[in-house]
Protein backbone atom coordinates (compact mmCIF):
# COMPACT_ATOMS: atom_id res chain seq x y z
CA MET A 1 -6.94 123.21 -20.79
CA ASP A 2 -4.89 120.89 -23.01
CA ASP A 3 -1.13 121.33 -23.37
CA PHE A 4 -1.32 122.84 -26.86
CA LEU A 5 -3.77 125.53 -25.76
CA ALA A 6 -1.74 126.12 -22.58
CA ALA A 7 1.47 126.58 -24.60
CA ARG A 8 -0.19 129.04 -26.97
CA SER A 9 -1.81 130.92 -24.06
CA GLN A 10 1.49 131.19 -22.21
CA MET A 11 3.25 132.53 -25.29
CA ALA A 12 0.43 135.00 -25.93
CA LEU A 13 0.53 136.20 -22.32
CA SER A 14 4.31 136.58 -22.38
CA LEU A 15 4.31 138.49 -25.67
CA GLY A 16 1.40 140.64 -24.53
CA PHE A 17 3.29 141.87 -21.48
CA HIS A 18 6.74 142.01 -23.06
CA ILE A 19 5.63 144.13 -26.00
CA ILE A 20 4.50 146.90 -23.63
CA TYR A 21 7.68 146.79 -21.54
CA SER A 22 9.94 146.67 -24.58
CA CYS A 23 8.16 149.46 -26.50
CA ILE A 24 8.33 151.85 -23.57
CA GLY A 25 11.92 150.81 -22.87
CA MET A 26 12.77 151.41 -26.52
CA VAL A 27 11.13 154.85 -26.93
CA MET A 28 11.65 156.51 -23.54
CA PRO A 29 15.45 156.76 -23.98
CA VAL A 30 14.81 158.83 -27.12
CA PHE A 31 12.60 161.20 -25.14
CA MET A 32 15.25 161.27 -22.41
CA ALA A 33 17.99 162.16 -24.91
CA ILE A 34 15.88 165.00 -26.37
CA SER A 35 15.27 166.47 -22.93
CA HIS A 36 18.94 166.10 -22.02
CA TYR A 37 19.97 167.86 -25.23
CA LYS A 38 17.62 170.76 -24.44
CA TRP A 39 19.15 171.09 -20.97
CA ILE A 40 22.70 171.16 -22.37
CA LYS A 41 21.75 173.81 -24.94
CA THR A 42 19.54 176.01 -22.73
CA GLN A 43 20.74 175.22 -19.19
CA ASP A 44 17.06 175.30 -18.18
CA PRO A 45 16.99 173.19 -14.98
CA VAL A 46 13.49 171.94 -15.77
CA TYR A 47 14.86 169.95 -18.71
CA LYS A 48 17.52 168.40 -16.49
CA ASN A 49 14.84 167.47 -13.96
CA ILE A 50 12.74 165.85 -16.69
CA THR A 51 15.79 163.93 -17.92
CA VAL A 52 16.56 162.63 -14.44
CA ALA A 53 12.94 161.65 -13.84
CA TRP A 54 12.61 159.89 -17.19
CA SER A 55 15.93 158.09 -16.71
CA LYS A 56 14.46 156.39 -13.63
CA GLY A 57 11.53 155.21 -15.76
CA VAL A 58 13.95 153.98 -18.43
CA ALA A 59 15.80 151.97 -15.77
CA ILE A 60 12.54 150.41 -14.53
CA PHE A 61 11.44 149.34 -18.00
CA PHE A 62 14.90 148.18 -18.97
CA ALA A 63 14.90 145.83 -15.98
CA THR A 64 11.37 144.52 -16.58
CA GLY A 65 12.01 144.19 -20.31
CA ALA A 66 15.17 142.21 -19.62
CA VAL A 67 13.28 139.86 -17.28
CA SER A 68 10.32 139.32 -19.60
CA GLY A 69 12.59 139.00 -22.66
CA THR A 70 14.75 136.39 -20.93
CA MET A 71 11.64 134.43 -19.99
CA LEU A 72 10.48 134.57 -23.62
CA SER A 73 13.77 133.23 -24.92
CA PHE A 74 13.48 130.21 -22.61
CA GLU A 75 9.84 129.71 -23.55
CA LEU A 76 10.71 129.42 -27.24
CA GLY A 77 12.88 126.40 -26.51
CA LEU A 78 10.76 124.86 -23.77
CA LEU A 79 7.34 125.24 -25.37
CA TRP A 80 8.24 124.98 -29.07
CA PRO A 81 11.22 122.62 -29.40
CA GLY A 82 10.08 121.40 -32.82
CA PHE A 83 10.18 124.97 -34.07
CA MET A 84 13.54 125.90 -32.56
CA LYS A 85 15.18 122.66 -33.73
CA HIS A 86 14.69 123.66 -37.36
CA ALA A 87 14.26 127.43 -37.20
CA GLY A 88 17.09 128.24 -34.80
CA PRO A 89 19.94 127.85 -37.32
CA ILE A 90 17.97 129.85 -39.91
CA PHE A 91 16.71 132.91 -38.06
CA GLY A 92 19.10 132.88 -35.12
CA MET A 93 21.17 135.77 -36.49
CA PRO A 94 18.75 138.61 -35.58
CA PHE A 95 18.35 137.14 -32.08
CA SER A 96 22.15 137.02 -31.67
CA LEU A 97 22.50 140.60 -32.89
CA GLU A 98 19.66 141.67 -30.59
CA GLY A 99 21.70 140.24 -27.72
CA VAL A 100 24.65 142.40 -28.77
CA ALA A 101 22.40 145.48 -28.96
CA PHE A 102 21.02 144.64 -25.52
CA PHE A 103 24.49 144.48 -23.97
CA ILE A 104 25.49 147.77 -25.60
CA GLU A 105 22.28 149.32 -24.28
CA ALA A 106 22.99 147.99 -20.77
CA ILE A 107 26.52 149.43 -20.74
CA ALA A 108 25.38 152.80 -22.11
CA LEU A 109 22.50 152.98 -19.62
CA GLY A 110 24.89 152.30 -16.75
CA LEU A 111 27.15 155.11 -17.96
CA PHE A 112 24.19 157.45 -18.28
CA LEU A 113 22.64 156.71 -14.88
CA TYR A 114 25.92 157.01 -12.98
CA GLY A 115 27.63 159.57 -15.20
CA TRP A 116 25.98 162.70 -13.82
CA ASN A 117 28.64 165.20 -12.67
CA LYS A 118 31.34 162.69 -13.66
CA LEU A 119 31.32 162.69 -17.46
CA ASN A 120 31.60 165.57 -19.90
CA ASN A 121 28.07 166.77 -20.76
CA TRP A 122 28.28 165.73 -24.40
CA VAL A 123 29.86 162.35 -23.58
CA HIS A 124 27.09 161.82 -21.06
CA TRP A 125 24.45 162.78 -23.63
CA THR A 126 26.03 160.45 -26.19
CA ALA A 127 25.63 157.57 -23.75
CA GLY A 128 21.91 158.36 -23.58
CA VAL A 129 21.68 158.50 -27.37
CA ILE A 130 23.35 155.08 -27.59
CA VAL A 131 20.72 153.72 -25.19
CA GLY A 132 17.99 154.96 -27.55
CA ILE A 133 19.67 153.71 -30.73
CA SER A 134 20.37 150.30 -29.20
CA GLY A 135 16.78 149.98 -28.02
CA VAL A 136 15.38 150.79 -31.47
CA ALA A 137 17.88 148.39 -33.07
CA SER A 138 16.78 145.64 -30.69
CA GLY A 139 13.17 146.21 -31.68
CA ILE A 140 13.95 146.03 -35.38
CA LEU A 141 15.98 142.83 -34.97
CA VAL A 142 13.28 141.05 -32.97
CA VAL A 143 10.59 142.04 -35.48
CA SER A 144 12.88 140.83 -38.26
CA ALA A 145 12.89 137.38 -36.64
CA ASN A 146 9.11 137.45 -36.32
CA SER A 147 8.68 138.60 -39.91
CA TRP A 148 10.63 135.53 -41.04
CA MET A 149 7.87 133.40 -39.54
CA ASN A 150 5.40 135.27 -41.75
CA SER A 151 7.60 135.32 -44.84
CA PRO A 152 10.11 132.44 -44.52
CA SER A 153 13.21 132.64 -46.71
CA GLY A 154 16.89 131.79 -46.57
CA PHE A 155 16.50 128.02 -46.92
CA ASP A 156 15.13 125.26 -49.13
CA PHE A 157 12.66 122.76 -47.69
CA VAL A 158 13.42 119.44 -49.38
CA ASN A 159 11.98 116.10 -48.27
CA GLY A 160 11.24 117.44 -44.81
CA GLN A 161 14.76 118.86 -44.39
CA TYR A 162 15.92 122.48 -44.19
CA VAL A 163 18.90 122.85 -46.53
CA ASN A 164 20.89 125.63 -48.24
CA ILE A 165 20.51 127.85 -45.20
CA ASP A 166 21.30 131.56 -45.65
CA PRO A 167 20.84 133.45 -42.32
CA VAL A 168 21.37 136.86 -43.92
CA LYS A 169 18.62 136.27 -46.47
CA ALA A 170 16.40 134.97 -43.68
CA MET A 171 16.96 138.09 -41.59
CA PHE A 172 16.29 140.43 -44.50
CA ASN A 173 13.22 138.55 -45.71
CA LYS A 174 10.61 140.27 -47.86
CA ALA A 175 8.47 141.28 -44.89
CA TRP A 176 11.12 142.58 -42.49
CA PHE A 177 11.13 146.22 -43.61
CA SER A 178 7.37 146.79 -43.65
CA GLU A 179 6.82 144.99 -40.35
CA SER A 180 9.76 146.66 -38.59
CA LEU A 181 8.69 150.09 -39.82
CA HIS A 182 5.11 149.51 -38.68
CA MET A 183 6.25 148.27 -35.26
CA ILE A 184 8.71 151.09 -34.56
CA ILE A 185 6.19 153.76 -35.54
CA ALA A 186 3.57 152.01 -33.38
CA ALA A 187 5.96 152.01 -30.43
CA PHE A 188 6.59 155.75 -30.74
CA SER A 189 2.89 156.46 -31.18
CA ALA A 190 1.76 154.35 -28.22
CA THR A 191 4.50 155.50 -25.86
CA GLY A 192 4.23 159.13 -26.93
CA PHE A 193 0.50 159.24 -26.26
CA ALA A 194 0.85 157.36 -22.96
CA VAL A 195 3.59 159.63 -21.61
CA ALA A 196 1.81 162.76 -22.86
CA GLY A 197 -1.43 161.57 -21.28
CA ILE A 198 0.17 161.14 -17.86
CA HIS A 199 1.71 164.62 -17.99
CA ALA A 200 -1.59 166.06 -19.28
CA LEU A 201 -3.30 164.59 -16.20
CA MET A 202 -0.81 166.34 -13.92
CA ILE A 203 -1.30 169.63 -15.77
CA TYR A 204 -5.07 169.21 -15.50
CA ARG A 205 -4.64 168.77 -11.74
CA LYS A 206 -2.45 171.91 -11.75
CA LYS A 207 0.58 170.14 -10.32
CA ASN A 208 4.12 171.23 -11.23
CA ILE A 209 2.90 172.94 -14.39
CA ALA A 210 6.29 173.96 -15.84
CA PHE A 211 7.78 170.48 -15.42
CA HIS A 212 4.82 168.60 -16.90
CA THR A 213 4.26 171.09 -19.72
CA LYS A 214 7.77 170.70 -21.11
CA ALA A 215 7.60 166.93 -20.71
CA PHE A 216 4.21 166.81 -22.43
CA LYS A 217 5.48 168.75 -25.44
CA ILE A 218 8.44 166.43 -26.02
CA ALA A 219 6.32 163.29 -25.78
CA ILE A 220 3.38 164.44 -27.88
CA ILE A 221 5.51 165.72 -30.77
CA PHE A 222 6.75 162.16 -31.29
CA GLY A 223 3.42 160.53 -30.46
CA ALA A 224 1.34 162.72 -32.75
CA ALA A 225 3.81 162.56 -35.65
CA ALA A 226 3.99 158.75 -35.37
CA ALA A 227 0.19 158.47 -35.21
CA ILE A 228 -0.13 160.45 -38.45
CA LEU A 229 2.51 158.28 -40.19
CA GLN A 230 1.13 154.99 -38.88
CA PRO A 231 -1.67 154.47 -41.45
CA PHE A 232 0.87 154.73 -44.27
CA SER A 233 3.09 152.04 -42.77
CA GLY A 234 -0.02 149.99 -42.06
CA ASP A 235 -1.00 150.18 -45.72
CA LEU A 236 2.45 148.90 -46.69
CA SER A 237 2.16 146.00 -44.22
CA ALA A 238 -1.32 145.09 -45.47
CA LYS A 239 -0.15 145.02 -49.07
CA ASN A 240 2.67 142.68 -48.06
CA ALA A 241 0.23 140.45 -46.20
CA ALA A 242 -1.97 140.29 -49.30
CA LYS A 243 0.96 138.95 -51.32
CA ARG A 244 2.47 136.53 -48.83
CA GLN A 245 -0.37 135.71 -46.41
CA PRO A 246 -3.66 135.93 -48.34
CA ALA A 247 -5.46 133.92 -45.66
CA LYS A 248 -4.46 136.48 -43.03
CA LEU A 249 -5.72 139.37 -45.17
CA ALA A 250 -9.02 137.58 -45.83
CA ALA A 251 -9.47 136.91 -42.10
CA MET A 252 -8.56 140.52 -41.21
CA GLU A 253 -11.32 141.75 -43.50
CA ALA A 254 -13.69 138.80 -42.85
CA TYR A 255 -13.67 138.48 -46.62
CA PHE A 256 -15.27 135.16 -47.55
CA HIS A 257 -15.93 135.28 -51.30
CA THR A 258 -13.42 135.99 -54.06
CA GLN A 259 -14.65 138.76 -56.35
CA GLU A 260 -13.77 141.80 -58.39
CA TYR A 261 -14.54 145.21 -56.92
CA ALA A 262 -13.82 143.61 -53.53
CA PRO A 263 -15.55 145.59 -50.78
CA LEU A 264 -13.91 146.83 -47.60
CA VAL A 265 -15.98 145.95 -44.54
CA ILE A 266 -15.96 148.33 -41.58
CA GLY A 267 -17.05 146.70 -38.32
CA GLY A 268 -19.52 143.86 -38.48
CA ILE A 269 -19.86 140.44 -36.88
CA PRO A 270 -18.44 137.57 -38.97
CA ASP A 271 -20.70 134.54 -39.39
CA THR A 272 -18.28 131.80 -40.47
CA ALA A 273 -21.05 129.22 -40.89
CA ALA A 274 -23.03 131.39 -43.30
CA LYS A 275 -19.82 132.92 -44.71
CA LYS A 276 -20.96 136.51 -44.36
CA VAL A 277 -20.55 139.56 -42.16
CA ASN A 278 -23.57 140.87 -40.29
CA TYR A 279 -24.05 144.55 -39.46
CA GLY A 280 -20.90 145.65 -41.27
CA LEU A 281 -20.57 148.69 -43.51
CA GLU A 282 -19.40 147.67 -47.00
CA ILE A 283 -17.56 150.08 -49.28
CA PRO A 284 -17.52 148.52 -52.79
CA GLY A 285 -14.16 148.22 -54.51
CA LEU A 286 -12.13 149.76 -51.70
CA LEU A 287 -10.39 146.53 -50.65
CA SER A 288 -9.34 145.96 -54.27
CA PHE A 289 -7.95 149.49 -54.38
CA LEU A 290 -6.08 149.18 -51.07
CA VAL A 291 -4.51 145.86 -52.09
CA HIS A 292 -3.90 146.41 -55.81
CA ASP A 293 -4.32 150.19 -56.32
CA ASN A 294 -7.17 149.32 -58.67
CA PHE A 295 -10.87 149.27 -57.78
CA LYS A 296 -11.64 146.42 -60.18
CA THR A 297 -8.87 143.89 -59.49
CA GLN A 298 -9.94 140.60 -57.95
CA VAL A 299 -8.97 139.87 -54.35
CA ASN A 300 -8.87 136.24 -53.22
CA GLY A 301 -11.16 135.41 -50.32
CA LEU A 302 -11.32 132.61 -47.79
CA ASP A 303 -13.10 130.42 -50.34
CA LYS A 304 -9.71 130.04 -52.07
CA ILE A 305 -8.07 128.79 -48.86
CA PRO A 306 -8.58 125.20 -47.61
CA VAL A 307 -10.53 125.23 -44.35
CA LYS A 308 -7.69 123.50 -42.49
CA ASN A 309 -5.36 126.39 -43.46
CA GLN A 310 -7.68 129.23 -42.44
CA PRO A 311 -6.96 131.31 -39.33
CA PRO A 312 -9.65 132.08 -36.72
CA VAL A 313 -11.69 134.67 -38.62
CA ALA A 314 -13.61 136.37 -35.81
CA VAL A 315 -10.61 137.00 -33.53
CA THR A 316 -8.45 138.27 -36.39
CA HIS A 317 -11.21 140.50 -37.75
CA TYR A 318 -12.13 142.03 -34.39
CA ALA A 319 -8.48 142.67 -33.49
CA PHE A 320 -7.86 144.28 -36.88
CA GLN A 321 -10.92 146.52 -36.54
CA ILE A 322 -9.83 147.61 -33.06
CA MET A 323 -6.30 148.37 -34.29
CA VAL A 324 -7.48 150.37 -37.31
CA GLY A 325 -10.23 152.19 -35.41
CA ILE A 326 -7.87 153.32 -32.66
CA GLY A 327 -5.18 154.16 -35.21
CA VAL A 328 -7.53 156.46 -37.11
CA LEU A 329 -8.65 158.12 -33.86
CA MET A 330 -5.05 158.74 -32.77
CA MET A 331 -4.20 160.09 -36.21
CA LEU A 332 -7.07 162.60 -35.95
CA ILE A 333 -5.94 163.66 -32.48
CA GLY A 334 -2.42 164.13 -33.83
CA ILE A 335 -3.68 166.26 -36.71
CA ILE A 336 -5.75 168.39 -34.31
CA TYR A 337 -2.69 168.88 -32.11
CA PHE A 338 -0.47 170.08 -34.96
CA TYR A 339 -3.23 172.28 -36.34
CA GLU A 340 -3.73 173.95 -32.97
CA LEU A 341 0.04 174.25 -32.58
CA TRP A 342 0.27 175.91 -36.00
CA LYS A 343 -2.42 178.37 -34.92
CA LYS A 344 -0.27 179.09 -31.84
CA LYS A 345 -3.17 178.61 -29.46
CA ASP A 346 -2.68 178.17 -25.71
CA LEU A 347 -3.67 174.53 -25.81
CA LEU A 348 -2.63 173.43 -22.34
CA SER A 349 -4.98 175.90 -20.68
CA LYS A 350 -8.01 174.24 -22.30
CA PRO A 351 -9.63 171.46 -20.23
CA TRP A 352 -11.06 169.72 -23.32
CA PHE A 353 -7.58 169.48 -24.83
CA LEU A 354 -6.05 168.00 -21.70
CA LYS A 355 -8.96 165.58 -21.25
CA THR A 356 -8.53 164.38 -24.83
CA PHE A 357 -4.98 163.24 -24.12
CA ILE A 358 -5.86 161.89 -20.69
CA TRP A 359 -8.50 159.62 -22.23
CA ALA A 360 -6.14 158.71 -25.06
CA THR A 361 -3.40 157.53 -22.67
CA PRO A 362 -3.98 153.74 -23.08
CA LEU A 363 -5.22 153.77 -26.69
CA GLY A 364 -1.85 153.20 -28.34
CA PHE A 365 -1.11 150.11 -26.28
CA ILE A 366 -4.58 148.68 -26.89
CA ALA A 367 -3.95 149.09 -30.62
CA LEU A 368 -0.48 147.58 -30.19
CA GLU A 369 -1.90 144.46 -28.51
CA ALA A 370 -4.60 144.19 -31.18
CA GLY A 371 -1.97 144.47 -33.91
CA TRP A 372 0.10 141.66 -32.45
CA THR A 373 -3.05 139.56 -32.19
CA VAL A 374 -3.60 140.08 -35.90
CA THR A 375 0.02 139.16 -36.63
CA GLU A 376 0.06 135.96 -34.60
CA VAL A 377 -3.52 134.68 -34.77
CA GLY A 378 -3.77 135.64 -38.44
CA ARG A 379 -0.81 133.36 -39.24
CA GLN A 380 -2.45 130.29 -37.72
CA PRO A 381 -2.44 127.33 -38.15
CA TRP A 382 1.20 127.95 -39.14
CA ILE A 383 4.14 128.77 -36.92
CA ILE A 384 6.28 129.09 -40.07
CA GLN A 385 3.97 130.27 -42.83
CA GLY A 386 3.23 127.42 -45.24
CA VAL A 387 6.04 125.23 -43.86
CA MET A 388 5.39 124.11 -40.26
CA ARG A 389 2.13 124.00 -38.35
CA THR A 390 1.98 125.29 -34.79
CA SER A 391 0.72 121.89 -33.61
CA GLU A 392 3.87 120.25 -35.03
CA ALA A 393 6.16 122.53 -33.04
CA VAL A 394 4.70 122.21 -29.53
CA THR A 395 6.52 120.31 -26.79
CA PRO A 396 5.39 116.73 -26.04
CA MET A 397 5.93 117.31 -22.32
CA PRO A 398 2.72 117.16 -20.22
CA GLY A 399 1.56 119.63 -17.57
CA ILE A 400 2.11 122.84 -19.56
CA GLN A 401 -1.00 124.38 -17.99
CA TYR A 402 0.82 124.60 -14.64
CA SER A 403 3.65 126.49 -16.31
CA PHE A 404 1.02 128.83 -17.79
CA TYR A 405 -0.45 129.50 -14.34
CA LEU A 406 3.01 130.16 -12.88
CA PHE A 407 4.03 132.53 -15.66
CA SER A 408 0.69 134.34 -15.40
CA PHE A 409 1.36 134.95 -11.72
CA ILE A 410 4.90 136.18 -12.44
CA TYR A 411 3.82 138.61 -15.14
CA PHE A 412 0.94 140.05 -13.14
CA THR A 413 3.21 140.44 -10.11
CA LEU A 414 5.84 142.14 -12.28
CA SER A 415 3.20 144.50 -13.68
CA VAL A 416 1.94 145.42 -10.21
CA ALA A 417 5.53 146.21 -9.19
CA VAL A 418 6.03 148.38 -12.30
CA ILE A 419 2.79 150.28 -11.70
CA PHE A 420 3.74 150.86 -8.05
CA LEU A 421 7.21 152.15 -8.96
CA LEU A 422 5.92 154.44 -11.71
CA LYS A 423 3.15 155.81 -9.48
CA ARG A 424 5.72 156.57 -6.79
CA GLN A 425 7.96 158.32 -9.31
CA ILE A 426 5.06 160.51 -10.46
CA GLN A 427 4.02 161.33 -6.90
CA MET A 428 7.56 162.33 -5.96
CA VAL A 429 8.03 164.80 -8.82
CA PRO A 430 7.52 167.84 -6.49
CA GLU A 431 10.09 166.60 -3.96
CA LEU A 432 12.72 165.08 -6.24
CA TYR A 433 12.53 166.61 -9.68
CA ASP A 434 10.66 169.92 -9.82
CA ARG A 435 13.36 172.03 -8.24
CA LYS A 436 16.60 173.72 -9.23
CA THR A 437 18.96 170.88 -8.36
CA ALA A 438 17.33 167.51 -8.95
CA GLN A 439 19.46 164.64 -7.72
CA PRO A 440 20.25 162.08 -10.42
């Protein structure tokens, strides 16, 4: 493994783990605040027990997210000094603001965890709400920084120099809204389905039915609603990619030849040598319609992009197909849930219904990882779209593969610890949380 590949692999590994920790850490406080609100309004002890149980999960993911996020911030400087040298002054503002949001979140979480029976109920609840708001704000700010890499703005690139720097314009670049919206909805969808799936499993096993039923309903309302909204935000993101990253769009669709009535390809195996897609289902004109709202309008293919500027087609296409396929499946499950809810059917007594959500537990995070693969691999060979190549940003220091091995060990160890702690929390629900006076 050469140093360039090792650096990219380490960054991919770090982002792959951190995105899961951060999404759960961002969304779970919202669920926690909803449950806490229901307890304050109804005085139903089950809601307090759910709030206490979920707060322990929030603490676990806050800690792991802080560790993995800190490691990522060091990696940016250590692995990509050429990038940070020039990009730091331009897109540093959202990272700085994310640090502020993180500290606010940490203070509010401390107040929430240790405020039981000490703070006024509404003050205590407000602390939990601030945890949720800060977490969502952190997510938006980080995605804003990433969107700048896809749609760079806020500077002029003159004779190899970055001049006329405007950090505010860089932060609010033309891609920040669509990408932030898509990411936040994805986080709620993935976390909602995962949490609902775990509680559905406990209901299916007939353990602590009242506790898990109320928890399931809170999680799935958010998860199902987000899954239904996700395709609309995805359409907005794809339209933005078509304007600002045509090579990424062409790779996503494995679209080799520029033409009118551009077809949308579902599935298939890209053959980059022959410049075609084998075994795919083509729908004539649909890509033109999705990109331009017109079935006839021409869409530029990979033949308009110099080979040296094209991203890896197969990886981008497969990841995009996985993301869209899972997204559509989750949307259908969400629609079924709301339809059954509207019909006022006793859903949680039906094994098929519970099994559906049990099997759907990991789907959101698989789609999330696939989506980030599309975002990052689809931008290659650029680290700053059209300005700086990834190969120009990598550190000249040798031996990066050993750092990759070390970080791999750390992340897998951290994940094992998280799984162990979460499993123990779930197993201890009967003893700690499913009773009249759960101890915070």
